[in-house]
Amino acid sequence: RTAVAEDVPRVVAEIAVGWGRLPLPESALTGLVNIGEATLAYALLRRWKFDPRFAAPADLAKFVLAGPLLAALAAAFAGGAIYSAFTSTETSYLEFVRIWWFGDGLGLLILTPLLLGFRPFGAADQAPAPAWRAADAAVVAAAAAVLAFMWLWPESRLVRLQMGPLLLFPFVIYISARYTQRWVAVAVAASSLVLVASVTGGKNPFGPLAPRDAMMRTQEFIFVMSMMALGLASLLAQVRSRQRDAEAANRGLRRLNDELEARVEERTVELRHANRILAELAAVDPLTDLYNRRGLMDIGQREIALARRGGRSLAVMMMDLDHFKQINDRHGHQVGDETLKHCAAL
């Protein structure tokens, strides 16, 4: 959708830019080819369920295959035919195809991740950027120094050895390892802009090369740098996502474990209380609330053991109700039960 939104007005833009310099049919056809390129890329990415956050290396592979490779190549074949039909130069059709393909492919590779990282084109649920640290400022300052060095001293020995652009790799790797896709795309776009500006301005960051060879070397370098940075960023995004999922799962397991332990503790207390009630019921007569035979035997054994250990005497007193059977026979068992309860209370 981002590419389509950009290329829909491009027919008008192509005509306006080429007005007076290019034939109207050539400008219009070029704009239509650009729309077809963006539409093809969008259709492929939608079919392949591409995640615009580049949340996994598979998303980067889908994007590169659909955009810079297939869609840009298809547009290059059509665009090369347009150039060959309207331009009378010694440049061959395949050379036109290569120029279009490399230009559009790198443009998609650099600008599309950049636009997808921010609103209104990007996803609303982008991962938050980490806090800014002093090391981040030092790395950015070092990268800016390298770019300034290549721009201000293009004839230095370091540039002649073709080492200048390579010094950008540690900076890009650091940004890819520390920050999310949107800021990686910003770093790649900024580095690419400076490199292209250096080549077009005659600074020759890759050494004394012919303009055509210098631009080819620049395109190759930008492609490698972009793929390395976006690939590392998407891989680390997948790792961080899995770590967050694992942490969330662990928190859920800990919460469930705490709830289970609380429920077990609650059930244990209830079980102890129930066992205590059962023990009391087993040792107490339900009518008189006095100890029954089992309770009497338990107490007796405990008291005998204490008496033996302390060398003390032990006495047992027993009380009997005389003529209790007559109470039951004359007044009934209910009165007999009340009599027993009264005596037990006394």
Protein backbone atom coordinates (compact mmCIF):
# COMPACT_ATOMS: atom_id res chain seq x y z
CA ARG A 1 0.00 0.00 0.00
CA THR A 2 2.89 2.37 0.74
CA ALA A 3 4.41 1.87 -2.70
CA VAL A 4 1.04 2.16 -4.43
CA ALA A 5 0.23 5.35 -2.50
CA GLU A 6 3.53 6.81 -3.65
CA ASP A 7 3.31 5.70 -7.29
CA VAL A 8 -0.33 6.48 -8.06
CA PRO A 9 0.48 10.20 -8.52
CA ARG A 10 3.74 9.31 -10.20
CA VAL A 11 2.25 9.36 -13.70
CA VAL A 12 1.56 13.05 -13.21
CA ALA A 13 4.98 13.52 -11.62
CA GLU A 14 6.76 11.79 -14.52
CA ILE A 15 4.94 13.96 -17.03
CA ALA A 16 5.69 17.13 -15.03
CA VAL A 17 9.39 16.30 -14.63
CA GLY A 18 9.81 15.33 -18.27
CA TRP A 19 7.76 18.20 -19.65
CA GLY A 20 9.72 19.79 -22.46
CA ARG A 21 12.53 17.23 -22.22
CA LEU A 22 10.79 13.86 -22.78
CA PRO A 23 7.94 12.91 -25.06
CA LEU A 24 4.58 12.83 -23.34
CA PRO A 25 3.97 9.14 -24.19
CA GLU A 26 7.34 8.18 -22.65
CA SER A 27 6.58 10.01 -19.39
CA ALA A 28 3.10 8.52 -19.17
CA LEU A 29 4.30 4.98 -19.89
CA THR A 30 7.09 5.33 -17.33
CA GLY A 31 4.58 6.34 -14.68
CA LEU A 32 2.31 3.42 -15.58
CA VAL A 33 5.23 1.00 -15.30
CA ASN A 34 5.97 2.36 -11.83
CA ILE A 35 2.37 1.80 -10.79
CA GLY A 36 2.48 -1.73 -12.15
CA GLU A 37 5.72 -2.38 -10.27
CA ALA A 38 4.24 -1.25 -6.95
CA THR A 39 0.98 -3.14 -7.57
CA LEU A 40 2.83 -6.38 -8.33
CA ALA A 41 4.99 -6.05 -5.22
CA TYR A 42 1.93 -5.32 -3.07
CA ALA A 43 -0.01 -8.27 -4.49
CA LEU A 44 2.86 -10.68 -3.85
CA LEU A 45 3.49 -9.41 -0.31
CA ARG A 46 -0.19 -9.65 0.56
CA ARG A 47 -0.39 -13.18 -0.83
CA TRP A 48 2.69 -14.21 1.13
CA LYS A 49 1.35 -12.61 4.36
CA PHE A 50 4.25 -10.22 4.75
CA ASP A 51 4.65 -8.55 8.16
CA PRO A 52 5.59 -4.86 7.58
CA ARG A 53 7.42 -4.78 10.93
CA PHE A 54 10.07 -7.17 9.52
CA ALA A 55 9.48 -9.28 12.62
CA ALA A 56 11.41 -12.28 11.25
CA PRO A 57 14.05 -13.02 8.58
CA ALA A 58 11.30 -14.66 6.53
CA ASP A 59 9.58 -11.27 6.20
CA LEU A 60 12.77 -9.71 4.86
CA ALA A 61 13.11 -12.57 2.37
CA LYS A 62 9.51 -12.08 1.20
CA PHE A 63 10.05 -8.34 0.81
CA VAL A 64 13.31 -8.66 -1.14
CA LEU A 65 11.88 -11.34 -3.42
CA ALA A 66 8.63 -9.47 -4.11
CA GLY A 67 10.01 -5.93 -4.40
CA PRO A 68 13.67 -5.47 -5.35
CA LEU A 69 13.86 -8.75 -7.27
CA LEU A 70 10.60 -9.71 -9.00
CA ALA A 71 8.62 -6.45 -9.19
CA ALA A 72 11.64 -4.26 -9.95
CA LEU A 73 12.91 -6.74 -12.55
CA ALA A 74 9.52 -6.94 -14.25
CA ALA A 75 9.37 -3.14 -14.33
CA ALA A 76 12.94 -3.02 -15.65
CA PHE A 77 12.04 -5.16 -18.65
CA ALA A 78 9.13 -2.86 -19.47
CA GLY A 79 11.10 0.29 -18.71
CA GLY A 80 14.04 -0.87 -20.80
CA ALA A 81 11.71 -1.31 -23.74
CA ILE A 82 10.39 2.25 -23.22
CA TYR A 83 13.91 3.69 -23.09
CA SER A 84 14.97 1.74 -26.18
CA ALA A 85 11.91 2.89 -28.10
CA PHE A 86 12.19 6.59 -27.25
CA THR A 87 15.96 7.06 -26.76
CA SER A 88 18.43 6.95 -29.64
CA THR A 89 21.73 6.06 -27.91
CA GLU A 90 24.26 3.27 -28.11
CA THR A 91 23.04 1.88 -24.78
CA SER A 92 21.64 -1.62 -25.27
CA TYR A 93 18.27 -2.84 -24.09
CA LEU A 94 19.83 -5.10 -21.43
CA GLU A 95 21.87 -2.17 -20.14
CA PHE A 96 18.66 -0.14 -19.79
CA VAL A 97 17.12 -3.10 -17.93
CA ARG A 98 20.11 -3.27 -15.57
CA ILE A 99 20.05 0.48 -14.86
CA TRP A 100 16.30 0.46 -14.13
CA TRP A 101 16.43 -2.73 -12.10
CA PHE A 102 19.33 -1.66 -9.89
CA GLY A 103 17.90 1.81 -9.35
CA ASP A 104 14.37 0.71 -8.47
CA GLY A 105 15.53 -2.33 -6.51
CA LEU A 106 17.84 -0.31 -4.29
CA GLY A 107 15.22 2.40 -3.93
CA LEU A 108 12.71 -0.13 -2.66
CA LEU A 109 15.30 -1.76 -0.42
CA ILE A 110 16.31 1.53 1.21
CA LEU A 111 13.12 3.60 1.33
CA THR A 112 10.35 1.03 1.89
CA PRO A 113 11.64 -0.23 5.30
CA LEU A 114 12.18 3.42 6.25
CA LEU A 115 8.58 4.38 5.45
CA LEU A 116 7.17 1.21 7.01
CA GLY A 117 8.88 2.09 10.27
CA PHE A 118 6.89 5.28 10.84
CA ARG A 119 3.31 6.44 10.64
CA PRO A 120 1.12 6.75 8.64
CA PHE A 121 2.65 3.92 6.62
CA GLY A 122 4.10 1.83 9.43
CA ALA A 123 2.40 -0.54 11.83
CA ALA A 124 1.00 1.04 14.99
CA ASP A 125 2.48 -1.66 17.27
CA GLN A 126 6.14 -1.06 16.56
CA ALA A 127 8.41 -2.23 19.36
CA PRO A 128 9.59 0.67 21.57
CA ALA A 129 13.14 1.85 21.07
CA PRO A 130 15.62 1.21 23.89
CA ALA A 131 16.77 4.07 26.07
CA TRP A 132 19.51 6.29 24.65
CA ARG A 133 22.92 5.59 26.14
CA ALA A 134 26.29 7.27 26.04
CA ALA A 135 27.64 4.42 23.91
CA ASP A 136 24.96 5.14 21.31
CA ALA A 137 26.05 8.76 21.07
CA ALA A 138 29.69 7.68 20.69
CA VAL A 139 28.85 5.25 17.87
CA VAL A 140 26.75 7.83 16.02
CA ALA A 141 29.51 10.41 16.41
CA ALA A 142 32.10 7.94 15.06
CA ALA A 143 29.91 7.14 12.05
CA ALA A 144 29.40 10.84 11.36
CA ALA A 145 33.17 11.32 11.55
CA VAL A 146 33.74 8.55 9.00
CA LEU A 147 31.18 10.05 6.61
CA ALA A 148 32.68 13.51 7.05
CA PHE A 149 36.16 12.10 6.44
CA MET A 150 35.08 10.49 3.17
CA TRP A 151 33.40 13.73 2.09
CA LEU A 152 36.13 16.19 3.07
CA TRP A 153 39.24 14.15 2.25
CA PRO A 154 38.31 11.98 -0.74
CA GLU A 155 41.94 11.73 -1.89
CA SER A 156 43.26 10.35 1.40
CA ARG A 157 45.16 7.09 1.44
CA LEU A 158 42.40 5.42 3.43
CA VAL A 159 39.88 6.23 0.71
CA ARG A 160 42.29 5.19 -2.03
CA LEU A 161 42.58 1.81 -0.30
CA GLN A 162 38.77 1.56 -0.49
CA MET A 163 38.55 1.25 3.31
CA GLY A 164 36.43 4.35 3.97
CA PRO A 165 32.97 2.90 3.26
CA LEU A 166 33.85 -0.32 5.08
CA LEU A 167 34.20 1.68 8.29
CA LEU A 168 30.42 2.14 8.18
CA PHE A 169 29.82 -1.57 8.79
CA PRO A 170 30.54 -1.52 12.57
CA PHE A 171 28.16 1.42 12.93
CA VAL A 172 25.39 -0.34 10.99
CA ILE A 173 25.93 -3.60 12.87
CA TYR A 174 25.73 -1.78 16.21
CA ILE A 175 22.48 -0.04 15.25
CA SER A 176 21.04 -3.33 13.96
CA ALA A 177 21.94 -5.16 17.15
CA ARG A 178 20.67 -2.49 19.51
CA TYR A 179 17.70 -0.81 17.84
CA THR A 180 14.50 -1.81 16.07
CA GLN A 181 13.87 -1.98 12.33
CA ARG A 182 12.76 1.63 11.92
CA TRP A 183 16.02 3.07 13.26
CA VAL A 184 18.08 0.54 11.31
CA ALA A 185 16.29 1.76 8.17
CA VAL A 186 17.13 5.36 9.13
CA ALA A 187 20.82 4.48 9.54
CA VAL A 188 20.91 2.61 6.21
CA ALA A 189 19.12 5.44 4.37
CA ALA A 190 21.43 8.10 5.85
CA SER A 191 24.58 6.13 5.02
CA SER A 192 23.34 5.41 1.50
CA LEU A 193 22.47 9.07 0.93
CA VAL A 194 25.96 10.19 1.90
CA LEU A 195 27.61 7.53 -0.27
CA VAL A 196 25.51 8.40 -3.32
CA ALA A 197 26.09 12.11 -2.77
CA SER A 198 29.83 11.43 -2.51
CA VAL A 199 29.90 9.53 -5.80
CA THR A 200 27.74 11.99 -7.69
CA GLY A 201 29.79 14.85 -6.25
CA GLY A 202 33.02 13.34 -7.56
CA LYS A 203 34.42 12.41 -4.13
CA ASN A 204 35.15 8.80 -5.21
CA PRO A 205 34.87 7.03 -1.81
CA PHE A 206 35.77 3.75 -3.53
CA GLY A 207 38.93 5.04 -5.10
CA PRO A 208 39.80 6.39 -8.55
CA LEU A 209 37.14 4.68 -10.65
CA ALA A 210 35.25 5.68 -13.72
CA PRO A 211 31.84 7.23 -12.92
CA ARG A 212 29.97 4.16 -14.19
CA ASP A 213 32.17 1.78 -12.21
CA ALA A 214 31.98 3.99 -9.10
CA MET A 215 28.18 3.96 -9.22
CA MET A 216 28.14 0.19 -9.71
CA ARG A 217 30.46 -0.26 -6.71
CA THR A 218 28.27 2.07 -4.66
CA GLN A 219 25.11 0.15 -5.57
CA GLU A 220 26.74 -3.15 -4.68
CA PHE A 221 27.96 -1.76 -1.37
CA ILE A 222 24.56 -0.30 -0.48
CA PHE A 223 22.85 -3.58 -1.35
CA VAL A 224 25.20 -5.61 0.86
CA MET A 225 24.97 -3.09 3.70
CA SER A 226 21.16 -2.96 3.52
CA MET A 227 20.74 -6.72 3.43
CA MET A 228 23.18 -7.21 6.29
CA ALA A 229 21.58 -4.52 8.46
CA LEU A 230 17.94 -5.45 7.80
CA GLY A 231 18.70 -9.16 8.05
CA LEU A 232 20.41 -8.79 11.41
CA ALA A 233 17.64 -6.49 12.67
CA SER A 234 14.89 -8.90 11.61
CA LEU A 235 16.74 -11.86 13.12
CA LEU A 236 17.20 -10.06 16.45
CA ALA A 237 13.57 -8.89 16.31
CA GLN A 238 12.50 -12.52 16.05
CA VAL A 239 14.79 -13.47 18.95
CA ARG A 240 13.47 -10.63 21.11
CA SER A 241 9.88 -11.54 20.24
CA ARG A 242 10.48 -15.13 21.28
CA GLN A 243 12.15 -13.95 24.47
CA ARG A 244 9.15 -11.75 25.26
CA ASP A 245 6.81 -14.67 24.55
CA ALA A 246 8.90 -16.93 26.77
CA GLU A 247 8.96 -14.35 29.56
CA ALA A 248 5.20 -13.88 29.27
CA ALA A 249 4.72 -17.65 29.37
CA ASN A 250 7.01 -17.90 32.42
CA ARG A 251 5.08 -15.14 34.15
CA GLY A 252 1.87 -16.98 33.42
CA LEU A 253 3.32 -20.22 34.75
CA ARG A 254 4.56 -18.48 37.89
CA ARG A 255 1.15 -16.91 38.40
CA LEU A 256 -0.55 -20.28 37.95
CA ASN A 257 1.98 -21.88 40.29
CA ASP A 258 1.35 -19.23 42.95
CA GLU A 259 -2.38 -19.71 42.59
CA LEU A 260 -1.95 -23.47 42.82
CA GLU A 261 0.24 -23.18 45.92
CA ALA A 262 -2.31 -20.87 47.53
CA ARG A 263 -5.12 -23.29 46.75
CA VAL A 264 -3.06 -26.22 48.06
CA GLU A 265 -2.30 -24.32 51.25
CA GLU A 266 -5.97 -23.44 51.63
CA ARG A 267 -7.00 -27.05 51.08
CA THR A 268 -4.31 -28.22 53.51
CA VAL A 269 -5.66 -25.94 56.24
CA GLU A 270 -9.17 -27.16 55.53
CA LEU A 271 -7.99 -30.76 55.58
CA ARG A 272 -6.21 -30.29 58.90
CA HIS A 273 -9.32 -28.72 60.35
CA ALA A 274 -11.46 -31.56 59.02
CA ASN A 275 -9.05 -34.17 60.39
CA ARG A 276 -9.11 -32.47 63.78
CA ILE A 277 -12.92 -32.53 63.77
CA LEU A 278 -12.92 -36.18 62.71
CA ALA A 279 -10.43 -37.02 65.45
CA GLU A 280 -12.62 -35.26 68.00
CA LEU A 281 -15.74 -37.00 66.74
CA ALA A 282 -14.00 -40.36 66.92
CA ALA A 283 -12.89 -39.79 70.55
CA VAL A 284 -15.95 -37.94 71.95
CA ASP A 285 -19.39 -39.26 72.78
CA PRO A 286 -21.90 -37.24 70.75
CA LEU A 287 -24.56 -37.29 73.53
CA THR A 288 -22.52 -36.14 76.54
CA ASP A 289 -19.49 -34.51 74.82
CA LEU A 290 -17.32 -36.66 77.11
CA TYR A 291 -14.47 -38.81 75.91
CA ASN A 292 -15.60 -42.26 74.82
CA ARG A 293 -13.65 -45.46 75.21
CA ARG A 294 -11.17 -44.57 72.43
CA GLY A 295 -10.56 -41.13 73.93
CA LEU A 296 -10.23 -42.64 77.39
CA MET A 297 -7.66 -45.18 76.20
CA ASP A 298 -5.60 -42.45 74.45
CA ILE A 299 -5.58 -40.24 77.52
CA GLY A 300 -4.89 -43.21 79.78
CA GLN A 301 -1.87 -44.34 77.77
CA ARG A 302 -0.47 -40.82 77.72
CA GLU A 303 -0.95 -40.31 81.45
CA ILE A 304 0.56 -43.71 82.30
CA ALA A 305 3.63 -42.90 80.22
CA LEU A 306 4.03 -39.54 81.94
CA ALA A 307 3.66 -41.14 85.36
CA ARG A 308 6.29 -43.77 84.59
CA ARG A 309 8.71 -41.23 83.23
CA GLY A 310 8.27 -38.99 86.27
CA GLY A 311 8.17 -41.84 88.83
CA ARG A 312 4.81 -40.71 90.13
CA SER A 313 1.72 -42.59 91.21
CA LEU A 314 -1.41 -42.65 89.10
CA ALA A 315 -4.99 -42.86 90.26
CA VAL A 316 -8.21 -43.44 88.31
CA MET A 317 -11.61 -42.41 89.67
CA MET A 318 -14.77 -43.95 88.26
CA MET A 319 -18.34 -42.77 88.92
CA ASP A 320 -21.50 -44.84 88.45
CA LEU A 321 -25.16 -43.85 88.35
CA ASP A 322 -27.21 -46.18 90.56
CA HIS A 323 -30.54 -47.48 89.30
CA PHE A 324 -30.18 -45.69 85.96
CA LYS A 325 -32.11 -48.45 84.23
CA GLN A 326 -35.17 -47.57 86.32
CA ILE A 327 -35.07 -44.00 84.95
CA ASN A 328 -35.19 -45.34 81.41
CA ASP A 329 -37.95 -47.84 82.24
CA ARG A 330 -40.12 -45.41 84.21
CA HIS A 331 -39.56 -42.09 82.32
CA GLY A 332 -38.30 -43.19 78.90
CA HIS A 333 -35.01 -43.01 77.09
CA GLN A 334 -35.31 -39.30 76.35
CA VAL A 335 -35.34 -38.48 80.05
CA GLY A 336 -32.47 -40.93 80.50
CA ASP A 337 -30.46 -39.08 77.86
CA GLU A 338 -31.14 -35.74 79.58
CA THR A 339 -30.02 -37.28 82.88
CA LEU A 340 -26.75 -38.42 81.35
CA LYS A 341 -26.15 -35.00 79.80
CA HIS A 342 -26.84 -33.26 83.14
CA CYS A 343 -24.46 -35.52 85.02
CA ALA A 344 -21.80 -35.05 82.34
CA ALA A 345 -22.11 -31.29 82.62
CA LEU A 346 -21.71 -31.49 86.40
